[in-house]
Amino acid sequence: MTLFKTVRACLLLAACTIQSAWAGNCATVPAAREVEYPGMSIERWHQIFAGQSARAAQGNVDVMFVGDSLTEMWPKALWDKNFGALKAANFGISADHTGNVLWRLQDPAIAALKPKLVVLMIGVNNINMCGEDANQVFGGIKAVVAKLRQQYPKARILLNAVLPAGAPDSWGRRRAIALNQQVRTLGDGKSIFFHDYGSVFMGEGGVLSRELQPDLLHFSEKGYELLAKAMRPDIEALLK
């Protein structure tokens, strides 16, 4: 089984069975990974984080991608083709919620970066794994955006909507729609730029394609190709 399929299966299992595993507030309390997943252990989380800290220590990062599995799992060839020349670095870790991102941003090497642009995609795990409502998740995303603005005052932020997942009538989809209505208000057109690429993936009636999202959440390579095609022009425009 490939790493992509392993992580995907583990996250699906987690979404169904471990929503109550995170005690307390996932949204705004900075916290390292506290939940063990088959194939995505706490030890592996710290290994990935250590690698990201080491990459940050090297500097030379103009574009920071910050988020969860949807960020971490960019196929390398597609990443290099679309973002390699932009001095981009990937700071995504699978299954992270906003509190995990707040904790990782405190790392001295990561905090010392001077990016021109931060591409933020976070929040779906607050819904699917922590079971938080739209207001709670919005508080977490708002806290992450505030941290990014404080830490990287000269950087612009490409703030992504929580992308559609599951069936059109699922509680998670409905919660994400309500959440995105709030997240949209954080965009100011000056330093924070909200974008919702969800329509790229939705067919008639809001139905998602398993060709693009095999588990109706994570992207196939073709799904990432479409996301890159939609996102790259905005990234290049924000870097000018």
Protein backbone atom coordinates (compact mmCIF):
# COMPACT_ATOMS: atom_id res chain seq x y z
CA MET A 1 0.00 0.00 0.00
CA THR A 2 1.35 3.41 -0.92
CA LEU A 3 1.96 6.09 1.69
CA PHE A 4 -0.91 8.13 0.16
CA LYS A 5 -3.36 5.22 0.55
CA THR A 6 -2.10 4.41 4.04
CA VAL A 7 -2.54 7.96 5.29
CA ARG A 8 -5.91 8.27 3.56
CA ALA A 9 -7.20 5.05 5.13
CA CYS A 10 -5.96 6.09 8.56
CA LEU A 11 -7.61 9.49 8.34
CA LEU A 12 -10.91 7.98 7.24
CA LEU A 13 -10.77 5.60 10.19
CA ALA A 14 -9.95 8.47 12.48
CA ALA A 15 -12.83 10.57 11.21
CA CYS A 16 -15.24 7.74 11.98
CA THR A 17 -13.92 6.50 15.31
CA ILE A 18 -11.65 9.01 17.06
CA GLN A 19 -13.56 12.28 17.05
CA SER A 20 -13.61 12.26 20.85
CA ALA A 21 -9.90 11.46 21.21
CA TRP A 22 -8.88 15.12 21.37
CA ALA A 23 -9.91 16.48 24.73
CA GLY A 24 -10.33 20.20 25.14
CA ASN A 25 -10.10 22.84 22.44
CA CYS A 26 -8.58 21.85 19.09
CA ALA A 27 -9.20 25.28 17.63
CA THR A 28 -7.19 27.87 19.56
CA VAL A 29 -4.97 26.01 22.04
CA PRO A 30 -1.46 25.41 20.60
CA ALA A 31 -0.69 21.71 20.95
CA ALA A 32 1.59 19.10 19.45
CA ARG A 33 0.08 15.88 18.09
CA GLU A 34 -1.57 13.91 20.88
CA VAL A 35 -3.33 11.13 18.97
CA GLU A 36 -1.78 7.94 17.58
CA TYR A 37 -2.94 6.80 14.14
CA PRO A 38 -1.96 3.59 12.32
CA GLY A 39 0.65 4.75 9.82
CA MET A 40 0.64 8.30 11.24
CA SER A 41 2.02 7.99 14.74
CA ILE A 42 2.97 10.73 17.14
CA GLU A 43 6.61 9.76 16.52
CA ARG A 44 6.19 10.24 12.76
CA TRP A 45 4.48 13.59 13.36
CA HIS A 46 7.51 14.78 15.32
CA GLN A 47 9.84 13.45 12.63
CA ILE A 48 8.01 15.45 9.95
CA PHE A 49 7.97 18.51 12.17
CA ALA A 50 11.72 18.17 12.83
CA GLY A 51 12.33 17.99 9.09
CA GLN A 52 10.27 21.13 8.55
CA SER A 53 12.17 22.95 11.27
CA ALA A 54 15.45 21.93 9.63
CA ARG A 55 14.19 23.16 6.27
CA ALA A 56 13.16 26.47 7.83
CA ALA A 57 16.62 26.85 9.33
CA GLN A 58 18.05 26.86 5.79
CA GLY A 59 15.97 29.94 4.96
CA ASN A 60 15.40 31.06 1.35
CA VAL A 61 11.62 30.52 1.53
CA ASP A 62 9.45 32.97 -0.36
CA VAL A 63 6.25 30.91 -0.26
CA MET A 64 5.14 28.92 2.79
CA PHE A 65 2.42 26.33 2.34
CA VAL A 66 0.89 25.73 5.77
CA GLY A 67 -1.79 23.14 6.53
CA ASP A 68 -2.75 19.51 6.96
CA SER A 69 -2.70 16.42 4.70
CA LEU A 70 -4.07 18.33 1.71
CA THR A 71 -0.88 20.40 1.87
CA GLU A 72 1.55 17.69 2.94
CA MET A 73 0.55 15.24 0.20
CA TRP A 74 1.33 17.31 -2.90
CA PRO A 75 3.00 14.90 -5.37
CA LYS A 76 6.66 15.89 -5.64
CA ALA A 77 6.73 16.14 -9.45
CA LEU A 78 3.70 18.42 -9.49
CA TRP A 79 5.09 20.47 -6.62
CA ASP A 80 8.43 20.96 -8.34
CA LYS A 81 6.77 21.82 -11.66
CA ASN A 82 4.35 24.39 -10.24
CA PHE A 83 6.09 25.83 -7.19
CA GLY A 84 9.75 24.85 -7.28
CA ALA A 85 10.86 28.04 -9.03
CA LEU A 86 8.92 30.14 -6.52
CA LYS A 87 11.15 29.14 -3.58
CA ALA A 88 8.23 27.35 -1.95
CA ALA A 89 8.42 25.10 1.11
CA ASN A 90 5.80 22.69 2.42
CA PHE A 91 4.79 22.96 6.08
CA GLY A 92 1.78 20.65 6.01
CA ILE A 93 1.29 17.64 8.29
CA SER A 94 -1.51 15.11 7.87
CA ALA A 95 -4.41 15.23 10.34
CA ASP A 96 -3.37 18.57 11.83
CA HIS A 97 -5.99 20.90 13.23
CA THR A 98 -5.58 24.62 13.85
CA GLY A 99 -4.15 24.11 17.34
CA ASN A 100 -1.38 21.91 15.89
CA VAL A 101 -0.52 24.61 13.36
CA LEU A 102 -0.41 27.26 16.10
CA TRP A 103 2.04 25.05 18.01
CA ARG A 104 4.28 24.44 14.98
CA LEU A 105 4.44 28.12 14.11
CA GLN A 106 6.09 28.77 17.48
CA ASP A 107 9.21 26.87 16.40
CA PRO A 108 12.14 29.35 16.41
CA ALA A 109 13.37 28.38 12.94
CA ILE A 110 9.90 28.58 11.42
CA ALA A 111 9.19 31.85 13.22
CA ALA A 112 12.41 33.35 11.84
CA LEU A 113 11.39 32.87 8.19
CA LYS A 114 10.62 35.93 6.08
CA PRO A 115 8.15 34.67 3.48
CA LYS A 116 6.57 36.88 0.89
CA LEU A 117 3.43 34.73 0.82
CA VAL A 118 1.78 32.17 3.09
CA VAL A 119 -0.68 29.73 1.51
CA LEU A 120 -2.94 28.55 4.33
CA MET A 121 -5.32 25.58 4.07
CA ILE A 122 -6.56 24.33 7.44
CA GLY A 123 -9.76 23.53 9.30
CA VAL A 124 -11.22 20.34 7.85
CA ASN A 125 -9.79 18.20 10.65
CA ASN A 126 -11.32 20.46 13.27
CA ILE A 127 -14.64 19.47 11.72
CA ASN A 128 -14.09 15.81 10.89
CA MET A 129 -11.89 14.73 13.78
CA CYS A 130 -12.51 17.18 16.59
CA GLY A 131 -16.21 17.51 15.83
CA GLU A 132 -16.08 21.28 16.26
CA ASP A 133 -18.84 23.52 14.93
CA ALA A 134 -18.37 26.34 12.45
CA ASN A 135 -17.96 29.02 15.12
CA GLN A 136 -15.27 27.03 16.94
CA VAL A 137 -13.31 26.27 13.76
CA PHE A 138 -13.57 29.88 12.64
CA GLY A 139 -12.01 30.90 15.95
CA GLY A 140 -9.11 28.57 15.22
CA ILE A 141 -8.57 29.79 11.65
CA LYS A 142 -8.82 33.39 12.83
CA ALA A 143 -6.15 32.64 15.48
CA VAL A 144 -3.82 31.10 12.87
CA VAL A 145 -4.26 34.07 10.55
CA ALA A 146 -3.56 36.47 13.43
CA LYS A 147 -0.42 34.50 14.32
CA LEU A 148 0.77 34.64 10.71
CA ARG A 149 0.15 38.38 10.50
CA GLN A 150 2.03 38.98 13.76
CA GLN A 151 4.91 36.67 12.87
CA TYR A 152 5.30 37.60 9.20
CA PRO A 153 4.06 41.21 8.99
CA LYS A 154 5.36 41.76 5.44
CA ALA A 155 3.86 38.57 4.03
CA ARG A 156 0.61 38.29 2.16
CA ILE A 157 -1.71 35.42 3.06
CA LEU A 158 -3.62 33.33 0.54
CA LEU A 159 -6.40 32.12 2.82
CA ASN A 160 -8.10 29.04 1.40
CA ALA A 161 -11.66 28.02 2.08
CA VAL A 162 -12.17 24.59 3.60
CA LEU A 163 -12.63 22.55 0.43
CA PRO A 164 -15.73 20.36 -0.05
CA ALA A 165 -15.61 16.82 1.27
CA GLY A 166 -18.13 14.02 1.58
CA ALA A 167 -21.65 13.94 0.18
CA PRO A 168 -23.48 17.19 -0.64
CA ASP A 169 -25.97 16.63 2.19
CA SER A 170 -23.45 15.45 4.80
CA TRP A 171 -23.14 17.30 8.10
CA GLY A 172 -19.46 17.94 7.41
CA ARG A 173 -20.22 19.60 4.06
CA ARG A 174 -22.94 21.75 5.62
CA ARG A 175 -20.62 22.74 8.44
CA ALA A 176 -17.85 23.66 5.99
CA ILE A 177 -20.24 25.89 4.01
CA ALA A 178 -21.23 27.73 7.18
CA LEU A 179 -17.57 27.99 8.19
CA ASN A 180 -16.46 29.41 4.85
CA GLN A 181 -19.05 32.17 5.07
CA GLN A 182 -17.21 33.33 8.19
CA VAL A 183 -13.68 32.70 6.94
CA ARG A 184 -14.45 34.85 3.89
CA THR A 185 -14.80 37.88 6.19
CA LEU A 186 -11.10 37.66 7.14
CA GLY A 187 -10.04 38.65 3.63
CA ASP A 188 -9.22 42.33 3.41
CA GLY A 189 -7.81 42.51 -0.11
CA LYS A 190 -4.63 44.09 1.27
CA SER A 191 -2.68 41.46 3.18
CA ILE A 192 -5.22 38.63 3.43
CA PHE A 193 -6.77 37.23 0.25
CA PHE A 194 -9.58 34.68 0.58
CA HIS A 195 -10.05 32.15 -2.22
CA ASP A 196 -12.49 29.26 -2.52
CA TYR A 197 -11.41 26.71 -5.12
CA GLY A 198 -14.21 24.30 -4.21
CA SER A 199 -16.14 24.81 -7.43
CA VAL A 200 -13.22 23.28 -9.34
CA PHE A 201 -14.02 19.91 -7.77
CA MET A 202 -17.83 19.91 -7.61
CA GLY A 203 -20.05 18.49 -10.30
CA GLU A 204 -23.80 18.84 -10.71
CA GLY A 205 -25.59 19.12 -7.39
CA GLY A 206 -22.31 19.55 -5.54
CA VAL A 207 -21.29 15.91 -6.09
CA LEU A 208 -17.56 15.24 -5.87
CA SER A 209 -15.63 13.07 -8.30
CA ARG A 210 -13.84 10.00 -6.95
CA GLU A 211 -11.43 10.40 -9.84
CA LEU A 212 -10.30 13.67 -8.25
CA GLN A 213 -10.96 12.83 -4.60
CA PRO A 214 -10.96 9.02 -4.20
CA ASP A 215 -12.18 9.15 -0.59
CA LEU A 216 -14.19 12.38 -1.18
CA LEU A 217 -11.58 14.30 0.80
CA HIS A 218 -7.97 13.78 -0.31
CA PHE A 219 -6.85 14.47 -3.86
CA SER A 220 -5.61 12.11 -6.50
CA GLU A 221 -2.76 13.31 -8.69
CA LYS A 222 -5.33 14.58 -11.17
CA GLY A 223 -7.04 16.44 -8.34
CA TYR A 224 -3.79 18.12 -7.41
CA GLU A 225 -3.24 19.03 -11.05
CA LEU A 226 -6.56 20.89 -11.06
CA LEU A 227 -5.79 22.56 -7.74
CA ALA A 228 -2.40 23.73 -9.02
CA LYS A 229 -3.97 25.06 -12.22
CA ALA A 230 -6.48 27.07 -10.18
CA MET A 231 -4.13 28.21 -7.44
CA ARG A 232 -0.87 29.00 -9.20
CA PRO A 233 -2.04 32.17 -11.03
CA ASP A 234 -3.24 33.63 -7.73
CA ILE A 235 0.04 32.76 -6.03
CA GLU A 236 2.05 34.37 -8.81
CA ALA A 237 -0.14 37.48 -8.73
CA LEU A 238 0.27 37.84 -4.96
CA LEU A 239 4.04 37.55 -5.25
CA LYS A 240 4.23 40.58 -7.55
